[in-house]
Amino acid sequence: MSDDESSGFAPPLFEAGEALTQIKRKLRDLKLTERGKGFDLRGKPVLELVPGEAQINVRIARKLALTPEWDRLLVNSSASQRKLIDDIKRRLERWERED
């Protein structure tokens, strides 16, 4: 018997659709512009979101460029969702310093 079964507590299931809505809202709050399945900063692509049934596949630009190189991330839990938002905030701060 696992600890979760003995305590009667199970973490909530990850809802990709609900998480996608929350992520998009946070990205708009960060002043990113939604373009199709992605978001831009000053006309340059920053990230793309591709929802699945139980996860969201994310591509994040390494550098702010018209044709960026991409890092990939899988969002499949609340923790990975928070990690994505924190990562984007750090990159935005870095790109602002580099400009």
PDB file of N, CA and C in Angstrom:
ATOM      1  N   MET A   1       0.842  -1.173   0.000  1.00  0.00           N
ATOM      2  CA  MET A   1       0.000   0.000   0.000  1.00  0.00           C
ATOM      3  C   MET A   1       0.891   1.240   0.000  1.00  0.00           C
ATOM      4  N   SER A   2       0.644   2.146  -0.909  1.00  0.00           N
ATOM      5  CA  SER A   2       1.451   3.357  -0.985  1.00  0.00           C
ATOM      6  C   SER A   2       0.988   4.369   0.055  1.00  0.00           C
ATOM      7  N   ASP A   3       1.800   5.398   0.265  1.00  0.00           N
ATOM      8  CA  ASP A   3       1.436   6.446   1.220  1.00  0.00           C
ATOM      9  C   ASP A   3       0.140   7.133   0.818  1.00  0.00           C
ATOM     10  N   ASP A   4      -0.052   7.334  -0.508  1.00  0.00           N
ATOM     11  CA  ASP A   4      -1.277   7.990  -0.974  1.00  0.00           C
ATOM     12  C   ASP A   4      -2.514   7.177  -0.617  1.00  0.00           C
ATOM     13  N   GLU A   5      -2.421   5.859  -0.752  1.00  0.00           N
ATOM     14  CA  GLU A   5      -3.572   5.015  -0.456  1.00  0.00           C
ATOM     15  C   GLU A   5      -3.852   4.983   1.040  1.00  0.00           C
ATOM     16  N   SER A   6      -2.811   4.980   1.855  1.00  0.00           N
ATOM     17  CA  SER A   6      -3.016   4.900   3.294  1.00  0.00           C
ATOM     18  C   SER A   6      -3.549   6.200   3.867  1.00  0.00           C
ATOM     19  N   SER A   7      -3.176   7.332   3.288  1.00  0.00           N
ATOM     20  CA  SER A   7      -3.646   8.617   3.814  1.00  0.00           C
ATOM     21  C   SER A   7      -4.993   9.019   3.220  1.00  0.00           C
ATOM     22  N   GLY A   8      -5.404   8.352   2.149  1.00  0.00           N
ATOM     23  CA  GLY A   8      -6.662   8.704   1.507  1.00  0.00           C
ATOM     24  C   GLY A   8      -6.549   9.920   0.610  1.00  0.00           C
ATOM     25  N   PHE A   9      -5.349  10.366   0.354  1.00  0.00           N
ATOM     26  CA  PHE A   9      -5.133  11.559  -0.475  1.00  0.00           C
ATOM     27  C   PHE A   9      -4.503  11.158  -1.797  1.00  0.00           C
ATOM     28  N   ALA A  10      -5.100  11.614  -2.868  1.00  0.00           N
ATOM     29  CA  ALA A  10      -4.523  11.411  -4.199  1.00  0.00           C
ATOM     30  C   ALA A  10      -4.460  12.768  -4.885  1.00  0.00           C
ATOM     31  N   PRO A  11      -3.340  13.089  -5.515  1.00  0.00           N
ATOM     32  CA  PRO A  11      -3.269  14.385  -6.193  1.00  0.00           C
ATOM     33  C   PRO A  11      -4.305  14.463  -7.304  1.00  0.00           C
ATOM     34  N   PRO A  12      -4.806  15.669  -7.573  1.00  0.00           N
ATOM     35  CA  PRO A  12      -5.808  15.796  -8.628  1.00  0.00           C
ATOM     36  C   PRO A  12      -5.229  15.438  -9.988  1.00  0.00           C
ATOM     37  N   LEU A  13      -6.075  14.910 -10.860  1.00  0.00           N
ATOM     38  CA  LEU A  13      -5.644  14.582 -12.206  1.00  0.00           C
ATOM     39  C   LEU A  13      -5.309  15.856 -12.959  1.00  0.00           C
ATOM     40  N   PHE A  14      -4.339  15.779 -13.850  1.00  0.00           N
ATOM     41  CA  PHE A  14      -3.933  16.934 -14.648  1.00  0.00           C
ATOM     42  C   PHE A  14      -4.920  17.114 -15.794  1.00  0.00           C
ATOM     43  N   GLU A  15      -5.515  18.279 -15.880  1.00  0.00           N
ATOM     44  CA  GLU A  15      -6.458  18.626 -16.938  1.00  0.00           C
ATOM     45  C   GLU A  15      -5.739  19.522 -17.940  1.00  0.00           C
ATOM     46  N   ALA A  16      -5.330  18.958 -19.074  1.00  0.00           N
ATOM     47  CA  ALA A  16      -4.551  19.702 -20.057  1.00  0.00           C
ATOM     48  C   ALA A  16      -5.305  20.915 -20.601  1.00  0.00           C
ATOM     49  N   GLY A  17      -6.598  20.785 -20.845  1.00  0.00           N
ATOM     50  CA  GLY A  17      -7.381  21.898 -21.379  1.00  0.00           C
ATOM     51  C   GLY A  17      -7.447  23.070 -20.414  1.00  0.00           C
ATOM     52  N   GLU A  18      -7.688  22.769 -19.158  1.00  0.00           N
ATOM     53  CA  GLU A  18      -7.742  23.815 -18.131  1.00  0.00           C
ATOM     54  C   GLU A  18      -6.362  24.449 -17.946  1.00  0.00           C
ATOM     55  N   ALA A  19      -5.314  23.619 -17.941  1.00  0.00           N
ATOM     56  CA  ALA A  19      -3.955  24.133 -17.797  1.00  0.00           C
ATOM     57  C   ALA A  19      -3.579  25.031 -18.970  1.00  0.00           C
ATOM     58  N   LEU A  20      -3.986  24.657 -20.171  1.00  0.00           N
ATOM     59  CA  LEU A  20      -3.695  25.469 -21.356  1.00  0.00           C
ATOM     60  C   LEU A  20      -4.319  26.858 -21.220  1.00  0.00           C
ATOM     61  N   THR A  21      -5.551  26.912 -20.749  1.00  0.00           N
ATOM     62  CA  THR A  21      -6.234  28.194 -20.537  1.00  0.00           C
ATOM     63  C   THR A  21      -5.481  29.038 -19.514  1.00  0.00           C
ATOM     64  N   GLN A  22      -5.045  28.422 -18.422  1.00  0.00           N
ATOM     65  CA  GLN A  22      -4.306  29.141 -17.386  1.00  0.00           C
ATOM     66  C   GLN A  22      -2.962  29.640 -17.908  1.00  0.00           C
ATOM     67  N   ILE A  23      -2.262  28.807 -18.661  1.00  0.00           N
ATOM     68  CA  ILE A  23      -0.958  29.196 -19.206  1.00  0.00           C
ATOM     69  C   ILE A  23      -1.126  30.372 -20.165  1.00  0.00           C
ATOM     70  N   LYS A  24      -2.107  30.302 -21.044  1.00  0.00           N
ATOM     71  CA  LYS A  24      -2.335  31.398 -21.993  1.00  0.00           C
ATOM     72  C   LYS A  24      -2.640  32.696 -21.265  1.00  0.00           C
ATOM     73  N   ARG A  25      -3.427  32.630 -20.217  1.00  0.00           N
ATOM     74  CA  ARG A  25      -3.760  33.827 -19.437  1.00  0.00           C
ATOM     75  C   ARG A  25      -2.492  34.433 -18.832  1.00  0.00           C
ATOM     76  N   LYS A  26      -1.629  33.579 -18.260  1.00  0.00           N
ATOM     77  CA  LYS A  26      -0.378  34.060 -17.658  1.00  0.00           C
ATOM     78  C   LYS A  26       0.527  34.692 -18.714  1.00  0.00           C
ATOM     79  N   LEU A  27       0.593  34.081 -19.899  1.00  0.00           N
ATOM     80  CA  LEU A  27       1.442  34.617 -20.961  1.00  0.00           C
ATOM     81  C   LEU A  27       0.943  35.982 -21.433  1.00  0.00           C
ATOM     82  N   ARG A  28      -0.360  36.138 -21.536  1.00  0.00           N
ATOM     83  CA  ARG A  28      -0.909  37.455 -21.902  1.00  0.00           C
ATOM     84  C   ARG A  28      -0.619  38.476 -20.810  1.00  0.00           C
ATOM     85  N   ASP A  29      -0.661  38.053 -19.541  1.00  0.00           N
ATOM     86  CA  ASP A  29      -0.316  38.945 -18.428  1.00  0.00           C
ATOM     87  C   ASP A  29       1.147  39.392 -18.507  1.00  0.00           C
ATOM     88  N   LEU A  30       1.986  38.555 -19.104  1.00  0.00           N
ATOM     89  CA  LEU A  30       3.407  38.888 -19.274  1.00  0.00           C
ATOM     90  C   LEU A  30       3.649  39.740 -20.518  1.00  0.00           C
ATOM     91  N   LYS A  31       2.564  40.205 -21.131  1.00  0.00           N
ATOM     92  CA  LYS A  31       2.603  41.100 -22.298  1.00  0.00           C
ATOM     93  C   LYS A  31       3.078  40.404 -23.575  1.00  0.00           C
ATOM     94  N   LEU A  32       2.864  39.083 -23.663  1.00  0.00           N
ATOM     95  CA  LEU A  32       3.155  38.354 -24.892  1.00  0.00           C
ATOM     96  C   LEU A  32       1.908  38.379 -25.768  1.00  0.00           C
ATOM     97  N   THR A  33       2.105  38.373 -27.076  1.00  0.00           N
ATOM     98  CA  THR A  33       1.014  38.451 -28.041  1.00  0.00           C
ATOM     99  C   THR A  33       0.729  37.060 -28.587  1.00  0.00           C
ATOM    100  N   GLU A  34      -0.536  36.644 -28.508  1.00  0.00           N
ATOM    101  CA  GLU A  34      -0.921  35.322 -28.995  1.00  0.00           C
ATOM    102  C   GLU A  34      -1.053  35.346 -30.506  1.00  0.00           C
ATOM    103  N   ARG A  35      -0.402  34.399 -31.176  1.00  0.00           N
ATOM    104  CA  ARG A  35      -0.461  34.253 -32.632  1.00  0.00           C
ATOM    105  C   ARG A  35      -0.661  32.770 -32.944  1.00  0.00           C
ATOM    106  N   GLY A  36      -1.880  32.385 -33.256  1.00  0.00           N
ATOM    107  CA  GLY A  36      -2.169  30.979 -33.558  1.00  0.00           C
ATOM    108  C   GLY A  36      -1.909  30.112 -32.345  1.00  0.00           C
ATOM    109  N   LYS A  37      -1.032  29.137 -32.485  1.00  0.00           N
ATOM    110  CA  LYS A  37      -0.716  28.254 -31.360  1.00  0.00           C
ATOM    111  C   LYS A  37       0.511  28.727 -30.580  1.00  0.00           C
ATOM    112  N   GLY A  38       1.011  29.932 -30.895  1.00  0.00           N
ATOM    113  CA  GLY A  38       2.194  30.434 -30.226  1.00  0.00           C
ATOM    114  C   GLY A  38       2.029  31.828 -29.663  1.00  0.00           C
ATOM    115  N   PHE A  39       3.099  32.318 -29.067  1.00  0.00           N
ATOM    116  CA  PHE A  39       3.140  33.662 -28.496  1.00  0.00           C
ATOM    117  C   PHE A  39       4.403  34.365 -28.959  1.00  0.00           C
ATOM    118  N   ASP A  40       4.268  35.672 -29.224  1.00  0.00           N
ATOM    119  CA  ASP A  40       5.367  36.501 -29.722  1.00  0.00           C
ATOM    120  C   ASP A  40       5.682  37.610 -28.734  1.00  0.00           C
ATOM    121  N   LEU A  41       6.915  38.100 -28.830  1.00  0.00           N
ATOM    122  CA  LEU A  41       7.347  39.295 -28.119  1.00  0.00           C
ATOM    123  C   LEU A  41       7.966  40.224 -29.146  1.00  0.00           C
ATOM    124  N   ARG A  42       7.365  41.371 -29.354  1.00  0.00           N
ATOM    125  CA  ARG A  42       7.827  42.353 -30.344  1.00  0.00           C
ATOM    126  C   ARG A  42       7.990  41.720 -31.734  1.00  0.00           C
ATOM    127  N   GLY A  43       7.045  40.869 -32.111  1.00  0.00           N
ATOM    128  CA  GLY A  43       7.034  40.266 -33.437  1.00  0.00           C
ATOM    129  C   GLY A  43       7.953  39.064 -33.601  1.00  0.00           C
ATOM    130  N   LYS A  44       8.616  38.657 -32.529  1.00  0.00           N
ATOM    131  CA  LYS A  44       9.501  37.491 -32.602  1.00  0.00           C
ATOM    132  C   LYS A  44       8.894  36.345 -31.800  1.00  0.00           C
ATOM    133  N   PRO A  45       8.899  35.138 -32.363  1.00  0.00           N
ATOM    134  CA  PRO A  45       8.284  33.999 -31.664  1.00  0.00           C
ATOM    135  C   PRO A  45       9.014  33.660 -30.367  1.00  0.00           C
ATOM    136  N   VAL A  46       8.242  33.428 -29.323  1.00  0.00           N
ATOM    137  CA  VAL A  46       8.799  33.120 -28.011  1.00  0.00           C
ATOM    138  C   VAL A  46       8.506  31.682 -27.619  1.00  0.00           C
ATOM    139  N   LEU A  47       7.245  31.228 -27.843  1.00  0.00           N
ATOM    140  CA  LEU A  47       6.935  29.854 -27.525  1.00  0.00           C
ATOM    141  C   LEU A  47       5.720  29.376 -28.289  1.00  0.00           C
ATOM    142  N   GLU A  48       5.613  28.054 -28.395  1.00  0.00           N
ATOM    143  CA  GLU A  48       4.473  27.409 -29.035  1.00  0.00           C
ATOM    144  C   GLU A  48       3.909  26.367 -28.080  1.00  0.00           C
ATOM    145  N   LEU A  49       2.587  26.256 -28.057  1.00  0.00           N
ATOM    146  CA  LEU A  49       1.884  25.303 -27.206  1.00  0.00           C
ATOM    147  C   LEU A  49       1.105  24.336 -28.085  1.00  0.00           C
ATOM    148  N   VAL A  50       1.319  23.048 -27.895  1.00  0.00           N
ATOM    149  CA  VAL A  50       0.592  22.029 -28.644  1.00  0.00           C
ATOM    150  C   VAL A  50      -0.076  21.102 -27.623  1.00  0.00           C
ATOM    151  N   PRO A  51      -1.390  21.277 -27.411  1.00  0.00           N
ATOM    152  CA  PRO A  51      -2.076  20.468 -26.400  1.00  0.00           C
ATOM    153  C   PRO A  51      -2.284  19.033 -26.857  1.00  0.00           C
ATOM    154  N   GLY A  52      -2.187  18.126 -25.900  1.00  0.00           N
ATOM    155  CA  GLY A  52      -2.514  16.722 -26.110  1.00  0.00           C
ATOM    156  C   GLY A  52      -3.639  16.364 -25.153  1.00  0.00           C
ATOM    157  N   GLU A  53      -3.935  15.094 -25.021  1.00  0.00           N
ATOM    158  CA  GLU A  53      -5.015  14.678 -24.130  1.00  0.00           C
ATOM    159  C   GLU A  53      -4.624  14.817 -22.661  1.00  0.00           C
ATOM    160  N   ALA A  54      -3.399  14.438 -22.329  1.00  0.00           N
ATOM    161  CA  ALA A  54      -2.983  14.455 -20.922  1.00  0.00           C
ATOM    162  C   ALA A  54      -1.748  15.314 -20.685  1.00  0.00           C
ATOM    163  N   GLN A  55      -1.315  16.065 -21.691  1.00  0.00           N
ATOM    164  CA  GLN A  55      -0.139  16.908 -21.529  1.00  0.00           C
ATOM    165  C   GLN A  55      -0.162  18.032 -22.561  1.00  0.00           C
ATOM    166  N   ILE A  56       0.750  18.977 -22.382  1.00  0.00           N
ATOM    167  CA  ILE A  56       0.927  20.059 -23.340  1.00  0.00           C
ATOM    168  C   ILE A  56       2.388  20.054 -23.751  1.00  0.00           C
ATOM    169  N   ASN A  57       2.637  19.941 -25.041  1.00  0.00           N
ATOM    170  CA  ASN A  57       4.001  20.011 -25.554  1.00  0.00           C
ATOM    171  C   ASN A  57       4.331  21.471 -25.825  1.00  0.00           C
ATOM    172  N   VAL A  58       5.480  21.905 -25.328  1.00  0.00           N
ATOM    173  CA  VAL A  58       5.858  23.308 -25.413  1.00  0.00           C
ATOM    174  C   VAL A  58       7.222  23.429 -26.077  1.00  0.00           C
ATOM    175  N   ARG A  59       7.330  24.421 -26.974  1.00  0.00           N
ATOM    176  CA  ARG A  59       8.627  24.802 -27.539  1.00  0.00           C
ATOM    177  C   ARG A  59       8.891  26.229 -27.092  1.00  0.00           C
ATOM    178  N   ILE A  60      10.063  26.448 -26.450  1.00  0.00           N
ATOM    179  CA  ILE A  60      10.439  27.768 -25.947  1.00  0.00           C
ATOM    180  C   ILE A  60      11.702  28.213 -26.665  1.00  0.00           C
ATOM    181  N   ALA A  61      11.689  29.457 -27.137  1.00  0.00           N
ATOM    182  CA  ALA A  61      12.858  29.996 -27.839  1.00  0.00           C
ATOM    183  C   ALA A  61      14.030  30.137 -26.872  1.00  0.00           C
ATOM    184  N   ARG A  62      15.218  29.729 -27.329  1.00  0.00           N
ATOM    185  CA  ARG A  62      16.423  29.910 -26.518  1.00  0.00           C
ATOM    186  C   ARG A  62      16.831  31.369 -26.479  1.00  0.00           C
ATOM    187  N   LYS A  63      16.748  32.017 -27.646  1.00  0.00           N
ATOM    188  CA  LYS A  63      17.077  33.432 -27.769  1.00  0.00           C
ATOM    189  C   LYS A  63      15.961  34.111 -28.540  1.00  0.00           C
ATOM    190  N   LEU A  64      15.798  35.388 -28.319  1.00  0.00           N
ATOM    191  CA  LEU A  64      14.804  36.165 -29.032  1.00  0.00           C
ATOM    192  C   LEU A  64      15.318  36.418 -30.447  1.00  0.00           C
ATOM    193  N   ALA A  65      14.697  35.765 -31.437  1.00  0.00           N
ATOM    194  CA  ALA A  65      15.136  35.870 -32.826  1.00  0.00           C
ATOM    195  C   ALA A  65      13.949  35.594 -33.746  1.00  0.00           C
ATOM    196  N   LEU A  66      14.068  36.040 -35.001  1.00  0.00           N
ATOM    197  CA  LEU A  66      12.991  35.772 -35.959  1.00  0.00           C
ATOM    198  C   LEU A  66      12.860  34.283 -36.246  1.00  0.00           C
ATOM    199  N   THR A  67      13.986  33.571 -36.273  1.00  0.00           N
ATOM    200  CA  THR A  67      13.989  32.119 -36.459  1.00  0.00           C
ATOM    201  C   THR A  67      14.767  31.506 -35.294  1.00  0.00           C
ATOM    202  N   PRO A  68      14.100  31.293 -34.155  1.00  0.00           N
ATOM    203  CA  PRO A  68      14.822  30.839 -32.965  1.00  0.00           C
ATOM    204  C   PRO A  68      15.145  29.350 -32.982  1.00  0.00           C
ATOM    205  N   GLU A  69      16.132  28.998 -32.150  1.00  0.00           N
ATOM    206  CA  GLU A  69      16.353  27.604 -31.804  1.00  0.00           C
ATOM    207  C   GLU A  69      15.412  27.327 -30.633  1.00  0.00           C
ATOM    208  N   TRP A  70      14.905  26.109 -30.552  1.00  0.00           N
ATOM    209  CA  TRP A  70      13.869  25.803 -29.574  1.00  0.00           C
ATOM    210  C   TRP A  70      14.341  24.821 -28.515  1.00  0.00           C
ATOM    211  N   ASP A  71      13.884  25.043 -27.291  1.00  0.00           N
ATOM    212  CA  ASP A  71      13.970  24.058 -26.219  1.00  0.00           C
ATOM    213  C   ASP A  71      12.584  23.447 -26.103  1.00  0.00           C
ATOM    214  N   ARG A  72      12.521  22.170 -25.785  1.00  0.00           N
ATOM    215  CA  ARG A  72      11.226  21.492 -25.651  1.00  0.00           C
ATOM    216  C   ARG A  72      10.954  21.179 -24.182  1.00  0.00           C
ATOM    217  N   LEU A  73       9.689  21.268 -23.824  1.00  0.00           N
ATOM    218  CA  LEU A  73       9.263  21.002 -22.460  1.00  0.00           C
ATOM    219  C   LEU A  73       7.903  20.312 -22.515  1.00  0.00           C
ATOM    220  N   LEU A  74       7.673  19.395 -21.595  1.00  0.00           N
ATOM    221  CA  LEU A  74       6.397  18.695 -21.507  1.00  0.00           C
ATOM    222  C   LEU A  74       5.711  19.134 -20.219  1.00  0.00           C
ATOM    223  N   VAL A  75       4.507  19.669 -20.340  1.00  0.00           N
ATOM    224  CA  VAL A  75       3.718  20.069 -19.174  1.00  0.00           C
ATOM    225  C   VAL A  75       2.671  18.988 -18.953  1.00  0.00           C
ATOM    226  N   ASN A  76       2.816  18.262 -17.845  1.00  0.00           N
ATOM    227  CA  ASN A  76       1.880  17.180 -17.551  1.00  0.00           C
ATOM    228  C   ASN A  76       1.472  17.133 -16.082  1.00  0.00           C
ATOM    229  N   SER A  77       1.770  18.217 -15.358  1.00  0.00           N
ATOM    230  CA  SER A  77       1.381  18.322 -13.953  1.00  0.00           C
ATOM    231  C   SER A  77       1.349  19.792 -13.558  1.00  0.00           C
ATOM    232  N   SER A  78       0.791  20.061 -12.395  1.00  0.00           N
ATOM    233  CA  SER A  78       0.766  21.440 -11.893  1.00  0.00           C
ATOM    234  C   SER A  78       2.179  21.952 -11.662  1.00  0.00           C
ATOM    235  N   ALA A  79       3.058  21.070 -11.188  1.00  0.00           N
ATOM    236  CA  ALA A  79       4.444  21.474 -10.939  1.00  0.00           C
ATOM    237  C   ALA A  79       5.149  21.854 -12.241  1.00  0.00           C
ATOM    238  N   SER A  80       4.958  21.072 -13.295  1.00  0.00           N
ATOM    239  CA  SER A  80       5.603  21.406 -14.568  1.00  0.00           C
ATOM    240  C   SER A  80       4.979  22.657 -15.184  1.00  0.00           C
ATOM    241  N   GLN A  81       3.719  22.922 -14.891  1.00  0.00           N
ATOM    242  CA  GLN A  81       3.061  24.140 -15.353  1.00  0.00           C
ATOM    243  C   GLN A  81       3.705  25.360 -14.681  1.00  0.00           C
ATOM    244  N   ARG A  82       3.918  25.285 -13.364  1.00  0.00           N
ATOM    245  CA  ARG A  82       4.582  26.380 -12.647  1.00  0.00           C
ATOM    246  C   ARG A  82       6.010  26.561 -13.136  1.00  0.00           C
ATOM    247  N   LYS A  83       6.700  25.443 -13.389  1.00  0.00           N
ATOM    248  CA  LYS A  83       8.076  25.504 -13.883  1.00  0.00           C
ATOM    249  C   LYS A  83       8.131  26.223 -15.235  1.00  0.00           C
ATOM    250  N   LEU A  84       7.178  25.952 -16.111  1.00  0.00           N
ATOM    251  CA  LEU A  84       7.121  26.608 -17.418  1.00  0.00           C
ATOM    252  C   LEU A  84       6.986  28.119 -17.260  1.00  0.00           C
ATOM    253  N   ILE A  85       6.052  28.568 -16.445  1.00  0.00           N
ATOM    254  CA  ILE A  85       5.823  30.001 -16.253  1.00  0.00           C
ATOM    255  C   ILE A  85       7.072  30.657 -15.654  1.00  0.00           C
ATOM    256  N   ASP A  86       7.692  30.011 -14.662  1.00  0.00           N
ATOM    257  CA  ASP A  86       8.917  30.558 -14.068  1.00  0.00           C
ATOM    258  C   ASP A  86      10.033  30.655 -15.090  1.00  0.00           C
ATOM    259  N   ASP A  87      10.157  29.642 -15.937  1.00  0.00           N
ATOM    260  CA  ASP A  87      11.192  29.629 -16.976  1.00  0.00           C
ATOM    261  C   ASP A  87      10.973  30.764 -17.976  1.00  0.00           C
ATOM    262  N   ILE A  88       9.745  30.977 -18.363  1.00  0.00           N
ATOM    263  CA  ILE A  88       9.433  32.047 -19.315  1.00  0.00           C
ATOM    264  C   ILE A  88       9.743  33.413 -18.697  1.00  0.00           C
ATOM    265  N   LYS A  89       9.392  33.597 -17.432  1.00  0.00           N
ATOM    266  CA  LYS A  89       9.696  34.866 -16.756  1.00  0.00           C
ATOM    267  C   LYS A  89      11.199  35.128 -16.747  1.00  0.00           C
ATOM    268  N   ARG A  90      11.993  34.093 -16.426  1.00  0.00           N
ATOM    269  CA  ARG A  90      13.461  34.252 -16.412  1.00  0.00           C
ATOM    270  C   ARG A  90      13.991  34.609 -17.794  1.00  0.00           C
ATOM    271  N   ARG A  91      13.478  33.941 -18.830  1.00  0.00           N
ATOM    272  CA  ARG A  91      13.938  34.228 -20.186  1.00  0.00           C
ATOM    273  C   ARG A  91      13.553  35.646 -20.613  1.00  0.00           C
ATOM    274  N   LEU A  92      12.346  36.076 -20.278  1.00  0.00           N
ATOM    275  CA  LEU A  92      11.925  37.434 -20.628  1.00  0.00           C
ATOM    276  C   LEU A  92      12.832  38.465 -19.956  1.00  0.00           C
ATOM    277  N   GLU A  93      13.157  38.251 -18.687  1.00  0.00           N
ATOM    278  CA  GLU A  93      14.068  39.163 -17.991  1.00  0.00           C
ATOM    279  C   GLU A  93      15.439  39.190 -18.667  1.00  0.00           C
ATOM    280  N   ARG A  94      15.943  38.025 -19.045  1.00  0.00           N
ATOM    281  CA  ARG A  94      17.252  37.936 -19.700  1.00  0.00           C
ATOM    282  C   ARG A  94      17.218  38.651 -21.055  1.00  0.00           C
ATOM    283  N   TRP A  95      16.153  38.451 -21.830  1.00  0.00           N
ATOM    284  CA  TRP A  95      16.050  39.078 -23.148  1.00  0.00           C
ATOM    285  C   TRP A  95      15.952  40.585 -23.016  1.00  0.00           C
ATOM    286  N   GLU A  96      15.268  41.081 -21.977  1.00  0.00           N
ATOM    287  CA  GLU A  96      15.181  42.524 -21.757  1.00  0.00           C
ATOM    288  C   GLU A  96      16.557  43.092 -21.450  1.00  0.00           C
ATOM    289  N   ARG A  97      17.352  42.397 -20.669  1.00  0.00           N
ATOM    290  CA  ARG A  97      18.721  42.854 -20.347  1.00  0.00           C
ATOM    291  C   ARG A  97      19.597  42.855 -21.592  1.00  0.00           C
ATOM    292  N   GLU A  98      19.414  41.858 -22.463  1.00  0.00           N
ATOM    293  CA  GLU A  98      20.252  41.741 -23.659  1.00  0.00           C
ATOM    294  C   GLU A  98      19.926  42.798 -24.707  1.00  0.00           C
ATOM    295  N   ASP A  99      18.708  43.343 -24.705  1.00  0.00           N
ATOM    296  CA  ASP A  99      18.322  44.351 -25.686  1.00  0.00           C
ATOM    297  C   ASP A  99      18.937  45.681 -25.453  1.00  0.00           C
TER     298      ASP A  99
END
